[in-house]
Amino acid sequence: MKNITKEFYFLLTLLFMPFIISANDSLPYWKDVSIVEVNKEAPRTSFMSYDSQTSALKALESPYFDYTKSPYFYLLNGTWKFYFVDAYKDLPDNITDASVDISSWHNIQVPGNWELQGFGEAYYVNQRYEFEASNPRPPLLPEENPVGVYRRDIDIPADWMNRDIFLHIAGAKSGVYVYINGQEVGYSEDSKDPAEFLINPYVKTGKNVLTLKIFRWSTGSFLESQDFLRVSGIERDVFIWSQPKTAIQDFRIKSTLDKEYKDGVFTLAIDVKKHQQLRKVCFGKI
């Protein structure tokens, strides 16, 4: 009964904390319980755009959908430059500026947790929080919050500039700020799901500077108390890709049986977008 009571009060705290704490514009995103994303695209089904039916079918020949068969896909995995501090207050104020000298920064492999590459410390706990093992007080987080800053150049082809260009981060933990050429693009703290950002307003043809500033803990960390090794950083693929201005935004497929359980029924629903406007198109039963 004692444990149930603790869990009950903890859930009440999470539910009502947004109403207890008044809106505070001075709070950074990673401390603000009311913010889990900024300027992020809506979740969608995983797919890639190809330049022809032939290249799309070619992608199906591999055991998985081979995005590299598309000329509109640019994988960013590999060696990035990396700057690490044990506490966010130790970060230089201009760390995300595109003009910052990174010659003294470390190299790090992406994807890959930074603790497993010599930065910070990995913790194993089961149902508790590694940053507050007892009596957690959501949404409060320790001031000694480690931060890793990732940086690399990206090249934008000229023929992509009349298309919608997206940055795709398949998984990063925990609070991720995105910058391109020193400009803030957006934020995400749903660390086990993909985060995608439309980056057209921030890029130019040719070389651009991509920077990801990742806080080890964010308010979203209070939803991640599970039995696993607690590590941080970019955990899955990072890539950019592009689509025509009018293209498929998302789709849903439903397959079932008719009332007599004899014939199959196939339903496909497609969201078609033009810029940021969505128009739902539903193709009925086939």
C-alpha atoms as a PDB file:
ATOM      1  CA  MET A   1       0.000   0.000   0.000  1.00  0.00           C
ATOM      2  CA  LYS A   2       2.870   2.342   0.787  1.00  0.00           C
ATOM      3  CA  ASN A   3       4.382   1.938  -2.689  1.00  0.00           C
ATOM      4  CA  ILE A   4       0.987   2.384  -4.354  1.00  0.00           C
ATOM      5  CA  THR A   5       0.469   5.615  -2.432  1.00  0.00           C
ATOM      6  CA  LYS A   6       3.877   6.925  -3.543  1.00  0.00           C
ATOM      7  CA  GLU A   7       3.123   6.097  -7.182  1.00  0.00           C
ATOM      8  CA  PHE A   8      -0.301   7.766  -6.908  1.00  0.00           C
ATOM      9  CA  TYR A   9       1.148  11.028  -5.604  1.00  0.00           C
ATOM     10  CA  PHE A  10       3.891  10.924  -8.229  1.00  0.00           C
ATOM     11  CA  LEU A  11       1.318  10.607 -11.012  1.00  0.00           C
ATOM     12  CA  LEU A  12      -0.697  13.468  -9.535  1.00  0.00           C
ATOM     13  CA  THR A  13       2.451  15.582  -9.495  1.00  0.00           C
ATOM     14  CA  LEU A  14       3.087  14.912 -13.184  1.00  0.00           C
ATOM     15  CA  LEU A  15      -0.532  15.638 -14.107  1.00  0.00           C
ATOM     16  CA  PHE A  16      -0.955  18.860 -12.172  1.00  0.00           C
ATOM     17  CA  MET A  17       2.549  20.338 -12.240  1.00  0.00           C
ATOM     18  CA  PRO A  18       1.781  22.407 -15.389  1.00  0.00           C
ATOM     19  CA  PHE A  19      -1.012  24.107 -13.440  1.00  0.00           C
ATOM     20  CA  ILE A  20       1.050  24.508 -10.268  1.00  0.00           C
ATOM     21  CA  ILE A  21       3.921  26.170 -12.097  1.00  0.00           C
ATOM     22  CA  SER A  22       2.902  29.313 -13.919  1.00  0.00           C
ATOM     23  CA  ALA A  23       4.159  29.930 -17.428  1.00  0.00           C
ATOM     24  CA  ASN A  24       7.734  31.116 -17.292  1.00  0.00           C
ATOM     25  CA  ASP A  25       9.318  32.343 -20.512  1.00  0.00           C
ATOM     26  CA  SER A  26      12.719  32.337 -18.830  1.00  0.00           C
ATOM     27  CA  LEU A  27      12.739  28.555 -18.401  1.00  0.00           C
ATOM     28  CA  PRO A  28      14.843  26.709 -20.993  1.00  0.00           C
ATOM     29  CA  TYR A  29      13.005  24.019 -22.919  1.00  0.00           C
ATOM     30  CA  TRP A  30      14.702  21.151 -21.087  1.00  0.00           C
ATOM     31  CA  LYS A  31      13.406  22.479 -17.732  1.00  0.00           C
ATOM     32  CA  ASP A  32       9.903  23.432 -18.914  1.00  0.00           C
ATOM     33  CA  VAL A  33       7.414  20.635 -18.271  1.00  0.00           C
ATOM     34  CA  SER A  34       4.930  22.182 -20.716  1.00  0.00           C
ATOM     35  CA  ILE A  35       7.326  21.934 -23.681  1.00  0.00           C
ATOM     36  CA  VAL A  36       8.243  18.608 -25.285  1.00  0.00           C
ATOM     37  CA  GLU A  37       8.905  19.880 -28.799  1.00  0.00           C
ATOM     38  CA  VAL A  38       9.447  23.084 -30.731  1.00  0.00           C
ATOM     39  CA  ASN A  39       9.077  23.439 -34.500  1.00  0.00           C
ATOM     40  CA  LYS A  40       9.024  19.656 -34.957  1.00  0.00           C
ATOM     41  CA  GLU A  41       7.128  17.895 -37.732  1.00  0.00           C
ATOM     42  CA  ALA A  42       4.152  15.700 -36.852  1.00  0.00           C
ATOM     43  CA  PRO A  43       4.954  11.986 -36.457  1.00  0.00           C
ATOM     44  CA  ARG A  44       4.536   9.953 -39.638  1.00  0.00           C
ATOM     45  CA  THR A  45       4.927   6.517 -41.142  1.00  0.00           C
ATOM     46  CA  SER A  46       8.536   5.772 -42.136  1.00  0.00           C
ATOM     47  CA  PHE A  47       9.105   6.039 -45.895  1.00  0.00           C
ATOM     48  CA  MET A  48      11.425   7.645 -48.447  1.00  0.00           C
ATOM     49  CA  SER A  49      10.894   9.581 -51.691  1.00  0.00           C
ATOM     50  CA  TYR A  50      12.528   8.207 -54.864  1.00  0.00           C
ATOM     51  CA  ASP A  51      13.046   9.745 -58.277  1.00  0.00           C
ATOM     52  CA  SER A  52      11.468   6.883 -60.229  1.00  0.00           C
ATOM     53  CA  GLN A  53       9.531   3.679 -59.883  1.00  0.00           C
ATOM     54  CA  THR A  54      12.666   1.785 -60.874  1.00  0.00           C
ATOM     55  CA  SER A  55      14.770   3.152 -58.010  1.00  0.00           C
ATOM     56  CA  ALA A  56      11.916   2.586 -55.544  1.00  0.00           C
ATOM     57  CA  LEU A  57      11.605  -1.052 -56.599  1.00  0.00           C
ATOM     58  CA  LYS A  58      15.385  -1.393 -56.434  1.00  0.00           C
ATOM     59  CA  ALA A  59      15.213  -0.340 -52.791  1.00  0.00           C
ATOM     60  CA  LEU A  60      12.906  -3.288 -52.112  1.00  0.00           C
ATOM     61  CA  GLU A  61      15.546  -5.810 -53.152  1.00  0.00           C
ATOM     62  CA  SER A  62      17.381  -5.428 -49.836  1.00  0.00           C
ATOM     63  CA  PRO A  63      16.042  -7.010 -46.607  1.00  0.00           C
ATOM     64  CA  TYR A  64      14.848  -3.536 -45.618  1.00  0.00           C
ATOM     65  CA  PHE A  65      13.825  -0.425 -47.515  1.00  0.00           C
ATOM     66  CA  ASP A  66      17.166   0.875 -48.794  1.00  0.00           C
ATOM     67  CA  TYR A  67      16.966   4.651 -48.519  1.00  0.00           C
ATOM     68  CA  THR A  68      20.399   5.010 -50.146  1.00  0.00           C
ATOM     69  CA  LYS A  69      18.801   4.147 -53.507  1.00  0.00           C
ATOM     70  CA  SER A  70      17.144   7.559 -53.418  1.00  0.00           C
ATOM     71  CA  PRO A  71      19.011  10.642 -54.700  1.00  0.00           C
ATOM     72  CA  TYR A  72      17.024  12.626 -52.144  1.00  0.00           C
ATOM     73  CA  PHE A  73      18.604  10.898 -49.123  1.00  0.00           C
ATOM     74  CA  TYR A  74      21.863  11.970 -47.432  1.00  0.00           C
ATOM     75  CA  LEU A  75      23.049   9.892 -44.461  1.00  0.00           C
ATOM     76  CA  LEU A  76      24.905  11.854 -41.773  1.00  0.00           C
ATOM     77  CA  ASN A  77      26.222   8.908 -39.742  1.00  0.00           C
ATOM     78  CA  GLY A  78      29.961   8.783 -39.138  1.00  0.00           C
ATOM     79  CA  THR A  79      32.508  11.019 -37.436  1.00  0.00           C
ATOM     80  CA  TRP A  80      31.257  14.286 -35.945  1.00  0.00           C
ATOM     81  CA  LYS A  81      33.055  16.892 -33.846  1.00  0.00           C
ATOM     82  CA  PHE A  82      32.070  16.799 -30.174  1.00  0.00           C
ATOM     83  CA  TYR A  83      32.281  19.131 -27.166  1.00  0.00           C
ATOM     84  CA  PHE A  84      31.337  17.812 -23.724  1.00  0.00           C
ATOM     85  CA  VAL A  85      30.781  19.372 -20.277  1.00  0.00           C
ATOM     86  CA  ASP A  86      29.664  17.748 -17.025  1.00  0.00           C
ATOM     87  CA  ALA A  87      27.342  20.679 -16.239  1.00  0.00           C
ATOM     88  CA  TYR A  88      25.436  22.869 -18.675  1.00  0.00           C
ATOM     89  CA  LYS A  89      26.573  26.093 -16.992  1.00  0.00           C
ATOM     90  CA  ASP A  90      30.119  25.321 -18.161  1.00  0.00           C
ATOM     91  CA  LEU A  91      29.150  25.655 -21.819  1.00  0.00           C
ATOM     92  CA  PRO A  92      30.583  28.691 -23.631  1.00  0.00           C
ATOM     93  CA  ASP A  93      27.834  31.156 -24.525  1.00  0.00           C
ATOM     94  CA  ASN A  94      28.665  30.991 -28.231  1.00  0.00           C
ATOM     95  CA  ILE A  95      28.994  27.201 -28.468  1.00  0.00           C
ATOM     96  CA  THR A  96      26.364  26.901 -31.222  1.00  0.00           C
ATOM     97  CA  ASP A  97      27.698  29.756 -33.390  1.00  0.00           C
ATOM     98  CA  ALA A  98      28.720  28.549 -36.840  1.00  0.00           C
ATOM     99  CA  SER A  99      31.971  30.550 -36.595  1.00  0.00           C
ATOM    100  CA  VAL A 100      33.224  28.779 -33.432  1.00  0.00           C
ATOM    101  CA  ASP A 101      36.657  27.176 -33.818  1.00  0.00           C
ATOM    102  CA  ILE A 102      36.217  23.413 -33.414  1.00  0.00           C
ATOM    103  CA  SER A 103      39.838  22.377 -34.005  1.00  0.00           C
ATOM    104  CA  SER A 104      40.211  21.372 -30.333  1.00  0.00           C
ATOM    105  CA  TRP A 105      36.927  19.448 -30.190  1.00  0.00           C
ATOM    106  CA  HIS A 106      36.937  15.662 -29.920  1.00  0.00           C
ATOM    107  CA  ASN A 107      35.803  13.197 -32.577  1.00  0.00           C
ATOM    108  CA  ILE A 108      32.775  11.031 -31.850  1.00  0.00           C
ATOM    109  CA  GLN A 109      30.965   8.357 -33.813  1.00  0.00           C
ATOM    110  CA  VAL A 110      27.304   8.821 -34.706  1.00  0.00           C
ATOM    111  CA  PRO A 111      25.214   6.934 -33.843  1.00  0.00           C
ATOM    112  CA  GLY A 112      26.755   6.000 -30.509  1.00  0.00           C
ATOM    113  CA  ASN A 113      26.242   6.878 -26.848  1.00  0.00           C
ATOM    114  CA  TRP A 114      28.793   9.367 -25.557  1.00  0.00           C
ATOM    115  CA  GLU A 115      29.362   7.440 -22.287  1.00  0.00           C
ATOM    116  CA  LEU A 116      30.573   4.464 -24.333  1.00  0.00           C
ATOM    117  CA  GLN A 117      33.055   6.698 -26.145  1.00  0.00           C
ATOM    118  CA  GLY A 118      34.785   8.117 -23.073  1.00  0.00           C
ATOM    119  CA  PHE A 119      32.527  11.027 -22.050  1.00  0.00           C
ATOM    120  CA  GLY A 120      30.594  11.057 -18.799  1.00  0.00           C
ATOM    121  CA  GLU A 121      29.481   7.992 -16.891  1.00  0.00           C
ATOM    122  CA  ALA A 122      26.887   5.312 -17.645  1.00  0.00           C
ATOM    123  CA  TYR A 123      24.535   4.306 -14.825  1.00  0.00           C
ATOM    124  CA  TYR A 124      22.436   1.218 -14.307  1.00  0.00           C
ATOM    125  CA  VAL A 125      19.284   1.521 -12.242  1.00  0.00           C
ATOM    126  CA  ASN A 126      15.972  -0.261 -12.627  1.00  0.00           C
ATOM    127  CA  GLN A 127      12.841   1.654 -11.635  1.00  0.00           C
ATOM    128  CA  ARG A 128      14.559   4.698 -10.141  1.00  0.00           C
ATOM    129  CA  TYR A 129      16.126   7.787 -11.682  1.00  0.00           C
ATOM    130  CA  GLU A 130      19.899   7.956 -11.987  1.00  0.00           C
ATOM    131  CA  PHE A 131      19.838  11.690 -11.230  1.00  0.00           C
ATOM    132  CA  GLU A 132      17.629  11.372  -8.120  1.00  0.00           C
ATOM    133  CA  ALA A 133      17.541   7.878  -6.667  1.00  0.00           C
ATOM    134  CA  SER A 134      14.942   8.663  -3.991  1.00  0.00           C
ATOM    135  CA  ASN A 135      12.120  11.156  -3.488  1.00  0.00           C
ATOM    136  CA  PRO A 136      12.061  12.566  -7.051  1.00  0.00           C
ATOM    137  CA  ARG A 137      10.505  16.017  -7.376  1.00  0.00           C
ATOM    138  CA  PRO A 138       9.313  16.363 -10.954  1.00  0.00           C
ATOM    139  CA  PRO A 139       9.903  18.471 -12.931  1.00  0.00           C
ATOM    140  CA  LEU A 140      13.025  19.541 -11.013  1.00  0.00           C
ATOM    141  CA  LEU A 141      16.344  18.384 -12.487  1.00  0.00           C
ATOM    142  CA  PRO A 142      19.920  18.638 -11.209  1.00  0.00           C
ATOM    143  CA  GLU A 143      21.912  21.696 -12.189  1.00  0.00           C
ATOM    144  CA  GLU A 144      24.869  19.382 -12.812  1.00  0.00           C
ATOM    145  CA  ASN A 145      23.291  18.297 -16.084  1.00  0.00           C
ATOM    146  CA  PRO A 146      25.847  17.025 -18.643  1.00  0.00           C
ATOM    147  CA  VAL A 147      25.643  18.377 -22.207  1.00  0.00           C
ATOM    148  CA  GLY A 148      27.136  17.104 -25.435  1.00  0.00           C
ATOM    149  CA  VAL A 149      27.410  19.376 -28.488  1.00  0.00           C
ATOM    150  CA  TYR A 150      27.671  17.630 -31.863  1.00  0.00           C
ATOM    151  CA  ARG A 151      28.709  19.414 -35.041  1.00  0.00           C
ATOM    152  CA  ARG A 152      29.371  18.641 -38.695  1.00  0.00           C
ATOM    153  CA  ASP A 153      28.990  20.219 -42.122  1.00  0.00           C
ATOM    154  CA  ILE A 154      26.169  19.215 -44.448  1.00  0.00           C
ATOM    155  CA  ASP A 155      25.990  19.859 -48.185  1.00  0.00           C
ATOM    156  CA  ILE A 156      22.660  20.859 -49.724  1.00  0.00           C
ATOM    157  CA  PRO A 157      22.446  20.147 -53.497  1.00  0.00           C
ATOM    158  CA  ALA A 158      21.212  23.018 -55.622  1.00  0.00           C
ATOM    159  CA  ASP A 159      18.367  20.916 -57.037  1.00  0.00           C
ATOM    160  CA  TRP A 160      17.027  20.377 -53.497  1.00  0.00           C
ATOM    161  CA  MET A 161      16.337  24.056 -52.918  1.00  0.00           C
ATOM    162  CA  ASN A 162      12.951  23.946 -54.665  1.00  0.00           C
ATOM    163  CA  ARG A 163      11.913  20.968 -52.549  1.00  0.00           C
ATOM    164  CA  ASP A 164      11.011  20.523 -48.874  1.00  0.00           C
ATOM    165  CA  ILE A 165      14.173  19.524 -46.972  1.00  0.00           C
ATOM    166  CA  PHE A 166      13.982  17.655 -43.680  1.00  0.00           C
ATOM    167  CA  LEU A 167      16.454  16.773 -40.941  1.00  0.00           C
ATOM    168  CA  HIS A 168      15.648  13.374 -39.428  1.00  0.00           C
ATOM    169  CA  ILE A 169      17.024  12.344 -36.003  1.00  0.00           C
ATOM    170  CA  ALA A 170      15.896   8.765 -35.438  1.00  0.00           C
ATOM    171  CA  GLY A 171      16.720   8.730 -31.727  1.00  0.00           C
ATOM    172  CA  ALA A 172      18.663  10.984 -29.335  1.00  0.00           C
ATOM    173  CA  LYS A 173      18.566  11.272 -25.555  1.00  0.00           C
ATOM    174  CA  SER A 174      17.353  13.390 -23.934  1.00  0.00           C
ATOM    175  CA  GLY A 175      16.704  17.082 -24.695  1.00  0.00           C
ATOM    176  CA  VAL A 176      17.886  17.915 -28.241  1.00  0.00           C
ATOM    177  CA  TYR A 177      18.326  21.463 -29.572  1.00  0.00           C
ATOM    178  CA  VAL A 178      18.906  21.785 -33.326  1.00  0.00           C
ATOM    179  CA  TYR A 179      20.873  24.629 -34.949  1.00  0.00           C
ATOM    180  CA  ILE A 180      21.803  25.259 -38.576  1.00  0.00           C
ATOM    181  CA  ASN A 181      24.321  27.953 -39.436  1.00  0.00           C
ATOM    182  CA  GLY A 182      23.992  29.220 -35.872  1.00  0.00           C
ATOM    183  CA  GLN A 183      20.203  29.648 -36.031  1.00  0.00           C
ATOM    184  CA  GLU A 184      17.958  27.700 -33.682  1.00  0.00           C
ATOM    185  CA  VAL A 185      15.731  25.351 -35.687  1.00  0.00           C
ATOM    186  CA  GLY A 186      13.826  23.500 -32.974  1.00  0.00           C
ATOM    187  CA  TYR A 187      13.803  21.168 -29.997  1.00  0.00           C
ATOM    188  CA  SER A 188      12.710  17.626 -29.093  1.00  0.00           C
ATOM    189  CA  GLU A 189      12.791  15.502 -25.952  1.00  0.00           C
ATOM    190  CA  ASP A 190      10.864  12.385 -27.036  1.00  0.00           C
ATOM    191  CA  SER A 191      14.136  10.482 -27.049  1.00  0.00           C
ATOM    192  CA  LYS A 192      13.031   7.053 -28.276  1.00  0.00           C
ATOM    193  CA  ASP A 193      11.001   8.317 -31.232  1.00  0.00           C
ATOM    194  CA  PRO A 194      12.195  10.047 -34.418  1.00  0.00           C
ATOM    195  CA  ALA A 195      12.344  13.847 -34.522  1.00  0.00           C
ATOM    196  CA  GLU A 196      12.011  15.558 -37.886  1.00  0.00           C
ATOM    197  CA  PHE A 197      12.447  19.247 -38.750  1.00  0.00           C
ATOM    198  CA  LEU A 198      11.721  21.226 -41.921  1.00  0.00           C
ATOM    199  CA  ILE A 199      14.980  23.114 -42.494  1.00  0.00           C
ATOM    200  CA  ASN A 200      14.423  25.117 -45.695  1.00  0.00           C
ATOM    201  CA  PRO A 201      14.406  28.526 -43.926  1.00  0.00           C
ATOM    202  CA  TYR A 202      17.846  27.838 -42.430  1.00  0.00           C
ATOM    203  CA  VAL A 203      19.907  26.318 -45.244  1.00  0.00           C
ATOM    204  CA  LYS A 204      21.596  27.513 -48.418  1.00  0.00           C
ATOM    205  CA  THR A 205      23.030  25.694 -51.410  1.00  0.00           C
ATOM    206  CA  GLY A 206      26.366  24.074 -50.605  1.00  0.00           C
ATOM    207  CA  LYS A 207      27.995  23.859 -47.180  1.00  0.00           C
ATOM    208  CA  ASN A 208      25.946  24.403 -44.026  1.00  0.00           C
ATOM    209  CA  VAL A 209      26.856  23.901 -40.362  1.00  0.00           C
ATOM    210  CA  LEU A 210      24.636  21.516 -38.389  1.00  0.00           C
ATOM    211  CA  THR A 211      24.873  21.585 -34.577  1.00  0.00           C
ATOM    212  CA  LEU A 212      22.986  19.434 -32.073  1.00  0.00           C
ATOM    213  CA  LYS A 213      23.118  20.408 -28.394  1.00  0.00           C
ATOM    214  CA  ILE A 214      21.934  17.509 -26.243  1.00  0.00           C
ATOM    215  CA  PHE A 215      21.135  17.678 -22.523  1.00  0.00           C
ATOM    216  CA  ARG A 216      21.526  14.362 -20.769  1.00  0.00           C
ATOM    217  CA  TRP A 217      18.350  14.966 -18.757  1.00  0.00           C
ATOM    218  CA  SER A 218      15.176  16.883 -19.518  1.00  0.00           C
ATOM    219  CA  THR A 219      11.657  16.951 -18.081  1.00  0.00           C
ATOM    220  CA  GLY A 220      10.990  14.066 -20.461  1.00  0.00           C
ATOM    221  CA  SER A 221      13.449  11.969 -18.435  1.00  0.00           C
ATOM    222  CA  PHE A 222      10.771  11.531 -15.773  1.00  0.00           C
ATOM    223  CA  LEU A 223       8.902   9.310 -18.264  1.00  0.00           C
ATOM    224  CA  GLU A 224      11.936   7.069 -18.872  1.00  0.00           C
ATOM    225  CA  SER A 225      12.319   5.242 -15.559  1.00  0.00           C
ATOM    226  CA  GLN A 226      12.825   1.728 -16.901  1.00  0.00           C
ATOM    227  CA  ASP A 227      15.118  -1.197 -16.246  1.00  0.00           C
ATOM    228  CA  PHE A 228      18.036  -0.412 -18.566  1.00  0.00           C
ATOM    229  CA  LEU A 229      21.496   1.126 -18.705  1.00  0.00           C
ATOM    230  CA  ARG A 230      21.164   4.921 -18.618  1.00  0.00           C
ATOM    231  CA  VAL A 231      23.257   6.420 -21.403  1.00  0.00           C
ATOM    232  CA  SER A 232      22.971   9.525 -23.591  1.00  0.00           C
ATOM    233  CA  GLY A 233      23.574  11.046 -26.996  1.00  0.00           C
ATOM    234  CA  ILE A 234      22.633  10.165 -30.579  1.00  0.00           C
ATOM    235  CA  GLU A 235      21.462   6.565 -30.520  1.00  0.00           C
ATOM    236  CA  ARG A 236      20.136   6.039 -34.057  1.00  0.00           C
ATOM    237  CA  ASP A 237      20.604   7.287 -37.621  1.00  0.00           C
ATOM    238  CA  VAL A 238      20.721  10.955 -38.568  1.00  0.00           C
ATOM    239  CA  PHE A 239      19.995  12.001 -42.148  1.00  0.00           C
ATOM    240  CA  ILE A 240      18.534  14.714 -44.349  1.00  0.00           C
ATOM    241  CA  TRP A 241      16.089  14.045 -47.147  1.00  0.00           C
ATOM    242  CA  SER A 242      13.831  16.002 -49.481  1.00  0.00           C
ATOM    243  CA  GLN A 243      10.387  15.848 -51.087  1.00  0.00           C
ATOM    244  CA  PRO A 244       8.530  17.842 -53.732  1.00  0.00           C
ATOM    245  CA  LYS A 245       6.546  20.776 -52.357  1.00  0.00           C
ATOM    246  CA  THR A 246       3.392  18.755 -52.995  1.00  0.00           C
ATOM    247  CA  ALA A 247       3.879  15.223 -51.730  1.00  0.00           C
ATOM    248  CA  ILE A 248       2.639  12.473 -49.444  1.00  0.00           C
ATOM    249  CA  GLN A 249       2.868  13.543 -45.814  1.00  0.00           C
ATOM    250  CA  ASP A 250       1.651  10.305 -44.249  1.00  0.00           C
ATOM    251  CA  PHE A 251      -0.428   7.221 -44.982  1.00  0.00           C
ATOM    252  CA  ARG A 252      -2.326   4.509 -43.126  1.00  0.00           C
ATOM    253  CA  ILE A 253      -3.184   1.039 -44.397  1.00  0.00           C
ATOM    254  CA  LYS A 254      -5.932  -1.096 -42.912  1.00  0.00           C
ATOM    255  CA  SER A 255      -6.556  -4.670 -44.035  1.00  0.00           C
ATOM    256  CA  THR A 256      -9.416  -6.704 -42.633  1.00  0.00           C
ATOM    257  CA  LEU A 257     -12.194  -9.110 -43.678  1.00  0.00           C
ATOM    258  CA  ASP A 258     -15.771  -8.605 -44.763  1.00  0.00           C
ATOM    259  CA  LYS A 259     -18.666  -9.579 -42.518  1.00  0.00           C
ATOM    260  CA  GLU A 260     -18.708 -13.135 -43.873  1.00  0.00           C
ATOM    261  CA  TYR A 261     -14.957 -13.516 -43.266  1.00  0.00           C
ATOM    262  CA  LYS A 262     -14.479 -14.591 -46.881  1.00  0.00           C
ATOM    263  CA  ASP A 263     -13.093 -11.620 -48.805  1.00  0.00           C
ATOM    264  CA  GLY A 264     -10.361  -9.262 -47.790  1.00  0.00           C
ATOM    265  CA  VAL A 265     -10.976  -5.520 -47.486  1.00  0.00           C
ATOM    266  CA  PHE A 266      -8.112  -3.091 -48.124  1.00  0.00           C
ATOM    267  CA  THR A 267      -8.340   0.583 -47.139  1.00  0.00           C
ATOM    268  CA  LEU A 268      -5.678   3.205 -47.789  1.00  0.00           C
ATOM    269  CA  ALA A 269      -5.770   6.725 -46.359  1.00  0.00           C
ATOM    270  CA  ILE A 270      -3.226   9.295 -47.527  1.00  0.00           C
ATOM    271  CA  ASP A 271      -2.360  12.772 -46.235  1.00  0.00           C
ATOM    272  CA  VAL A 272      -1.154  14.995 -49.074  1.00  0.00           C
ATOM    273  CA  LYS A 273       0.722  18.148 -48.078  1.00  0.00           C
ATOM    274  CA  LYS A 274       1.650  21.328 -49.853  1.00  0.00           C
ATOM    275  CA  HIS A 275       4.146  23.275 -47.780  1.00  0.00           C
ATOM    276  CA  GLN A 276       2.670  23.107 -44.255  1.00  0.00           C
ATOM    277  CA  GLN A 277      -0.960  22.631 -45.273  1.00  0.00           C
ATOM    278  CA  LEU A 278      -2.432  19.141 -45.134  1.00  0.00           C
ATOM    279  CA  ARG A 279      -5.301  17.840 -47.211  1.00  0.00           C
ATOM    280  CA  LYS A 280      -6.617  14.389 -46.359  1.00  0.00           C
ATOM    281  CA  VAL A 281      -7.346  12.116 -49.297  1.00  0.00           C
ATOM    282  CA  CYS A 282      -8.993   8.784 -48.613  1.00  0.00           C
ATOM    283  CA  PHE A 283      -9.183   6.040 -51.198  1.00  0.00           C
ATOM    284  CA  GLY A 284     -12.093   3.812 -50.244  1.00  0.00           C
ATOM    285  CA  LYS A 285     -12.332   0.058 -50.153  1.00  0.00           C
ATOM    286  CA  ILE A 286     -10.512  -1.741 -52.951  1.00  0.00           C
END
